[in-house]
Amino acid sequence: MQAKQTENLCPHGQAALKFRKIVRRAFRELRRCGVTEVMAFNSATNVYRLHQPKMPERDSQLNVAEWME
């Protein structure tokens, strides 16, 4: 059971990567609607954190930033 919990917190784990598409789409759609880059990024980070609530906020931001590159 401990391995699964570790996987969920790993920024490159399978559980985190399955949300990459969702997070990137949220960012892209918000930008397309004219939302500023900062607001779209913050919203995408919130989407990520809804799926990974135990992930520290800073780590969530770093993961989302990496995916936006």
C-alpha atoms as a PDB file:
ATOM      1  CA  MET A   1       0.000   0.000   0.000  1.00  0.00           C
ATOM      2  CA  GLN A   2       2.888   2.363   0.745  1.00  0.00           C
ATOM      3  CA  ALA A   3       4.193   2.067  -2.846  1.00  0.00           C
ATOM      4  CA  LYS A   4       0.872   3.308  -4.247  1.00  0.00           C
ATOM      5  CA  GLN A   5       0.896   6.352  -1.960  1.00  0.00           C
ATOM      6  CA  THR A   6       4.455   7.175  -3.029  1.00  0.00           C
ATOM      7  CA  GLU A   7       3.480   6.832  -6.692  1.00  0.00           C
ATOM      8  CA  ASN A   8       0.626   9.300  -6.230  1.00  0.00           C
ATOM      9  CA  LEU A   9       3.013  11.904  -4.832  1.00  0.00           C
ATOM     10  CA  CYS A  10       5.753  11.344  -7.398  1.00  0.00           C
ATOM     11  CA  PRO A  11       5.671  14.175  -9.963  1.00  0.00           C
ATOM     12  CA  HIS A  12       6.618  11.789 -12.755  1.00  0.00           C
ATOM     13  CA  GLY A  13       4.601   8.802 -11.527  1.00  0.00           C
ATOM     14  CA  GLN A  14       1.942   7.174 -13.624  1.00  0.00           C
ATOM     15  CA  ALA A  15      -0.863   8.621 -11.491  1.00  0.00           C
ATOM     16  CA  ALA A  16       0.399  12.194 -11.948  1.00  0.00           C
ATOM     17  CA  LEU A  17       0.949  11.834 -15.683  1.00  0.00           C
ATOM     18  CA  LYS A  18      -2.599  10.760 -16.398  1.00  0.00           C
ATOM     19  CA  PHE A  19      -3.717  14.266 -15.396  1.00  0.00           C
ATOM     20  CA  ARG A  20      -1.226  15.992 -17.696  1.00  0.00           C
ATOM     21  CA  LYS A  21      -3.662  16.086 -20.597  1.00  0.00           C
ATOM     22  CA  ILE A  22      -6.463  17.485 -18.416  1.00  0.00           C
ATOM     23  CA  VAL A  23      -4.252  20.190 -16.926  1.00  0.00           C
ATOM     24  CA  ARG A  24      -2.794  21.231 -20.291  1.00  0.00           C
ATOM     25  CA  ARG A  25      -6.252  21.398 -21.823  1.00  0.00           C
ATOM     26  CA  ALA A  26      -7.540  23.590 -18.985  1.00  0.00           C
ATOM     27  CA  PHE A  27      -4.641  25.992 -19.526  1.00  0.00           C
ATOM     28  CA  ARG A  28      -5.015  26.013 -23.307  1.00  0.00           C
ATOM     29  CA  GLU A  29      -8.783  26.567 -23.241  1.00  0.00           C
ATOM     30  CA  LEU A  30      -8.542  29.393 -20.749  1.00  0.00           C
ATOM     31  CA  ARG A  31      -5.862  31.101 -22.831  1.00  0.00           C
ATOM     32  CA  ARG A  32      -8.017  30.681 -25.928  1.00  0.00           C
ATOM     33  CA  CYS A  33     -10.841  32.470 -24.082  1.00  0.00           C
ATOM     34  CA  GLY A  34      -8.577  35.422 -23.334  1.00  0.00           C
ATOM     35  CA  VAL A  35      -7.642  34.634 -19.739  1.00  0.00           C
ATOM     36  CA  THR A  36      -4.187  35.935 -18.816  1.00  0.00           C
ATOM     37  CA  GLU A  37      -1.320  33.466 -18.700  1.00  0.00           C
ATOM     38  CA  VAL A  38      -0.938  33.827 -14.930  1.00  0.00           C
ATOM     39  CA  MET A  39      -4.636  33.234 -14.254  1.00  0.00           C
ATOM     40  CA  ALA A  40      -4.715  30.265 -16.640  1.00  0.00           C
ATOM     41  CA  PHE A  41      -1.643  28.807 -14.933  1.00  0.00           C
ATOM     42  CA  ASN A  42      -3.189  29.242 -11.481  1.00  0.00           C
ATOM     43  CA  SER A  43      -6.400  27.593 -12.665  1.00  0.00           C
ATOM     44  CA  ALA A  44      -4.501  24.707 -14.259  1.00  0.00           C
ATOM     45  CA  THR A  45      -2.622  24.253 -10.982  1.00  0.00           C
ATOM     46  CA  ASN A  46      -5.945  24.161  -9.120  1.00  0.00           C
ATOM     47  CA  VAL A  47      -7.222  21.496 -11.511  1.00  0.00           C
ATOM     48  CA  TYR A  48      -4.087  19.456 -10.823  1.00  0.00           C
ATOM     49  CA  ARG A  49      -4.513  19.863  -7.070  1.00  0.00           C
ATOM     50  CA  LEU A  50      -8.119  18.664  -7.242  1.00  0.00           C
ATOM     51  CA  HIS A  51      -6.761  15.365  -8.523  1.00  0.00           C
ATOM     52  CA  GLN A  52      -3.665  15.347  -6.289  1.00  0.00           C
ATOM     53  CA  PRO A  53      -4.803  17.000  -3.028  1.00  0.00           C
ATOM     54  CA  LYS A  54      -1.866  15.668  -0.991  1.00  0.00           C
ATOM     55  CA  MET A  55       0.691  17.236  -3.317  1.00  0.00           C
ATOM     56  CA  PRO A  56       2.258  20.341  -1.747  1.00  0.00           C
ATOM     57  CA  GLU A  57       1.257  23.540  -3.542  1.00  0.00           C
ATOM     58  CA  ARG A  58       4.802  24.387  -4.650  1.00  0.00           C
ATOM     59  CA  ASP A  59       5.319  20.902  -6.108  1.00  0.00           C
ATOM     60  CA  SER A  60       2.011  21.197  -7.942  1.00  0.00           C
ATOM     61  CA  GLN A  61       3.106  24.494  -9.451  1.00  0.00           C
ATOM     62  CA  LEU A  62       6.435  23.029 -10.538  1.00  0.00           C
ATOM     63  CA  ASN A  63       4.742  20.039 -12.180  1.00  0.00           C
ATOM     64  CA  VAL A  64       2.275  22.214 -14.055  1.00  0.00           C
ATOM     65  CA  ALA A  65       5.037  24.614 -15.143  1.00  0.00           C
ATOM     66  CA  GLU A  66       7.041  21.677 -16.482  1.00  0.00           C
ATOM     67  CA  TRP A  67       4.034  20.440 -18.448  1.00  0.00           C
ATOM     68  CA  MET A  68       3.466  23.877 -19.988  1.00  0.00           C
ATOM     69  CA  GLU A  69       6.962  23.953 -21.527  1.00  0.00           C
END
